[in-house]
Amino acid sequence: MRATVDKNLCMGCGLCSDICPEVFDFDGSKAIAKVGKVPAEAEAACRDAAEQCPPEAIKIEEE
C-alpha cells in the first residue's frame, strides 16, 4: 500500500502525523508521506489518517 498527500488540498492541520507518524510528516506547512511503501504494521493507522483528513488530501493506493 502507498499513501500520497495532495499538497494543493492539504491544510496543514497535523492530524495525519498525529495518527500515523510512521508515514506522515511535514515539509514546511504541508504534510508529506515520508515513505514509499507503507509498512504493514502502519497500514491501519494510515487508513485511519486518510479517513480523518478534513480536506481528504490523503490518497491510498493498494498494491
N, C-alpha and C. Protein backbone atom coordinates (compact mmCIF):
# COMPACT_ATOMS: atom_id res chain seq x y z
N MET A 1 0.84 -1.17 0.00
CA MET A 1 0.00 0.00 0.00
C MET A 1 0.89 1.24 0.00
N ARG A 2 0.45 2.26 -0.70
CA ARG A 2 1.16 3.54 -0.76
C ARG A 2 0.20 4.66 -0.41
N ALA A 3 0.75 5.68 0.22
CA ALA A 3 -0.04 6.86 0.57
C ALA A 3 0.62 8.09 -0.05
N THR A 4 -0.21 8.99 -0.54
CA THR A 4 0.28 10.26 -1.07
C THR A 4 -0.57 11.38 -0.50
N VAL A 5 0.03 12.57 -0.44
CA VAL A 5 -0.67 13.74 0.05
C VAL A 5 -0.73 14.78 -1.06
N ASP A 6 -1.93 15.24 -1.37
CA ASP A 6 -2.10 16.31 -2.35
C ASP A 6 -1.85 17.63 -1.64
N LYS A 7 -0.70 18.24 -1.92
CA LYS A 7 -0.33 19.48 -1.23
C LYS A 7 -1.27 20.63 -1.56
N ASN A 8 -1.97 20.55 -2.67
CA ASN A 8 -2.95 21.59 -3.01
C ASN A 8 -4.18 21.53 -2.12
N LEU A 9 -4.47 20.34 -1.60
CA LEU A 9 -5.62 20.17 -0.71
C LEU A 9 -5.25 20.25 0.76
N CYS A 10 -4.02 19.87 1.10
CA CYS A 10 -3.58 19.81 2.50
C CYS A 10 -3.70 21.19 3.14
N MET A 11 -4.30 21.22 4.34
CA MET A 11 -4.43 22.48 5.06
C MET A 11 -3.47 22.56 6.25
N GLY A 12 -2.63 21.53 6.40
CA GLY A 12 -1.59 21.55 7.43
C GLY A 12 -2.08 21.41 8.85
N CYS A 13 -3.16 20.68 9.05
CA CYS A 13 -3.73 20.55 10.39
C CYS A 13 -2.91 19.65 11.31
N GLY A 14 -2.13 18.72 10.74
CA GLY A 14 -1.29 17.84 11.55
C GLY A 14 -1.94 16.57 12.03
N LEU A 15 -3.20 16.37 11.70
CA LEU A 15 -3.92 15.19 12.16
C LEU A 15 -3.27 13.90 11.66
N CYS A 16 -2.86 13.89 10.41
CA CYS A 16 -2.28 12.67 9.84
C CYS A 16 -1.00 12.25 10.56
N SER A 17 -0.12 13.22 10.85
CA SER A 17 1.13 12.89 11.53
C SER A 17 0.89 12.52 12.99
N ASP A 18 -0.19 13.01 13.59
CA ASP A 18 -0.55 12.60 14.94
C ASP A 18 -1.04 11.15 14.95
N ILE A 19 -1.84 10.79 13.95
CA ILE A 19 -2.41 9.45 13.87
C ILE A 19 -1.39 8.42 13.39
N CYS A 20 -0.58 8.79 12.40
CA CYS A 20 0.34 7.83 11.79
C CYS A 20 1.71 8.47 11.53
N PRO A 21 2.50 8.70 12.59
CA PRO A 21 3.80 9.33 12.42
C PRO A 21 4.81 8.47 11.66
N GLU A 22 4.53 7.17 11.54
CA GLU A 22 5.42 6.29 10.78
C GLU A 22 5.39 6.63 9.29
N VAL A 23 4.30 7.23 8.83
CA VAL A 23 4.12 7.51 7.40
C VAL A 23 4.13 9.00 7.09
N PHE A 24 3.51 9.81 7.94
CA PHE A 24 3.31 11.23 7.62
C PHE A 24 4.19 12.15 8.46
N ASP A 25 4.66 13.21 7.81
CA ASP A 25 5.49 14.23 8.44
C ASP A 25 5.15 15.56 7.76
N PHE A 26 5.88 16.59 8.09
CA PHE A 26 5.63 17.90 7.49
C PHE A 26 6.84 18.42 6.74
N ASP A 27 6.55 19.05 5.61
CA ASP A 27 7.55 19.75 4.81
C ASP A 27 7.09 21.20 4.79
N GLY A 28 7.60 21.98 5.71
CA GLY A 28 7.08 23.34 5.86
C GLY A 28 5.73 23.29 6.54
N SER A 29 4.71 23.79 5.87
CA SER A 29 3.37 23.82 6.45
C SER A 29 2.43 22.79 5.86
N LYS A 30 2.96 21.89 5.02
CA LYS A 30 2.13 20.87 4.38
C LYS A 30 2.61 19.47 4.75
N ALA A 31 1.68 18.55 4.82
CA ALA A 31 2.02 17.15 5.13
C ALA A 31 2.65 16.48 3.93
N ILE A 32 3.49 15.49 4.22
CA ILE A 32 4.08 14.64 3.19
C ILE A 32 4.02 13.20 3.66
N ALA A 33 4.02 12.28 2.71
CA ALA A 33 4.19 10.87 3.03
C ALA A 33 5.69 10.62 2.96
N LYS A 34 6.30 10.28 4.07
CA LYS A 34 7.75 10.19 4.13
C LYS A 34 8.29 8.80 3.76
N VAL A 35 7.42 7.89 3.43
CA VAL A 35 7.84 6.55 2.99
C VAL A 35 7.20 6.24 1.65
N GLY A 36 7.87 5.41 0.86
CA GLY A 36 7.28 4.99 -0.41
C GLY A 36 6.18 3.98 -0.17
N LYS A 37 6.56 2.89 0.46
CA LYS A 37 5.60 1.83 0.77
C LYS A 37 5.28 1.88 2.26
N VAL A 38 3.99 1.86 2.57
CA VAL A 38 3.56 1.91 3.97
C VAL A 38 3.90 0.58 4.64
N PRO A 39 4.62 0.62 5.77
CA PRO A 39 4.92 -0.63 6.49
C PRO A 39 3.63 -1.33 6.91
N ALA A 40 3.64 -2.64 6.85
CA ALA A 40 2.44 -3.43 7.17
C ALA A 40 1.86 -3.06 8.53
N GLU A 41 2.72 -2.83 9.51
CA GLU A 41 2.24 -2.53 10.86
C GLU A 41 1.61 -1.14 10.97
N ALA A 42 1.80 -0.29 9.96
CA ALA A 42 1.24 1.07 9.98
C ALA A 42 0.03 1.22 9.05
N GLU A 43 -0.35 0.17 8.35
CA GLU A 43 -1.44 0.28 7.37
C GLU A 43 -2.76 0.72 7.99
N ALA A 44 -3.14 0.16 9.12
CA ALA A 44 -4.42 0.53 9.74
C ALA A 44 -4.41 1.99 10.15
N ALA A 45 -3.33 2.46 10.76
CA ALA A 45 -3.23 3.86 11.17
C ALA A 45 -3.21 4.78 9.95
N CYS A 46 -2.58 4.35 8.88
CA CYS A 46 -2.51 5.14 7.66
C CYS A 46 -3.91 5.30 7.06
N ARG A 47 -4.67 4.23 7.02
CA ARG A 47 -6.05 4.31 6.52
C ARG A 47 -6.89 5.23 7.40
N ASP A 48 -6.68 5.13 8.71
CA ASP A 48 -7.40 5.97 9.65
C ASP A 48 -7.07 7.44 9.39
N ALA A 49 -5.80 7.75 9.18
CA ALA A 49 -5.39 9.13 8.89
C ALA A 49 -6.05 9.63 7.62
N ALA A 50 -6.11 8.79 6.59
CA ALA A 50 -6.74 9.18 5.32
C ALA A 50 -8.24 9.45 5.52
N GLU A 51 -8.89 8.60 6.31
CA GLU A 51 -10.32 8.76 6.54
C GLU A 51 -10.63 10.02 7.36
N GLN A 52 -9.73 10.39 8.26
CA GLN A 52 -9.98 11.54 9.14
C GLN A 52 -9.45 12.86 8.58
N CYS A 53 -8.72 12.81 7.47
CA CYS A 53 -8.17 14.03 6.88
C CYS A 53 -9.31 14.97 6.48
N PRO A 54 -9.41 16.16 7.12
CA PRO A 54 -10.54 17.06 6.83
C PRO A 54 -10.71 17.42 5.34
N PRO A 55 -9.63 17.78 4.62
CA PRO A 55 -9.83 18.13 3.21
C PRO A 55 -9.69 16.95 2.25
N GLU A 56 -9.56 15.72 2.82
CA GLU A 56 -9.40 14.50 2.02
C GLU A 56 -8.20 14.59 1.08
N ALA A 57 -7.07 15.08 1.63
CA ALA A 57 -5.85 15.26 0.85
C ALA A 57 -5.02 13.99 0.72
N ILE A 58 -5.31 12.98 1.53
CA ILE A 58 -4.52 11.74 1.52
C ILE A 58 -5.20 10.72 0.62
N LYS A 59 -4.42 10.18 -0.29
CA LYS A 59 -4.90 9.12 -1.17
C LYS A 59 -4.14 7.84 -0.87
N ILE A 60 -4.87 6.74 -0.82
CA ILE A 60 -4.30 5.42 -0.57
C ILE A 60 -4.38 4.60 -1.85
N GLU A 61 -3.26 3.98 -2.19
CA GLU A 61 -3.23 3.06 -3.33
C GLU A 61 -2.86 1.69 -2.84
N GLU A 62 -3.73 0.73 -3.07
CA GLU A 62 -3.44 -0.65 -2.70
C GLU A 62 -2.54 -1.26 -3.77
N GLU A 63 -1.61 -2.07 -3.35
CA GLU A 63 -0.70 -2.72 -4.30
C GLU A 63 -1.06 -4.16 -4.51
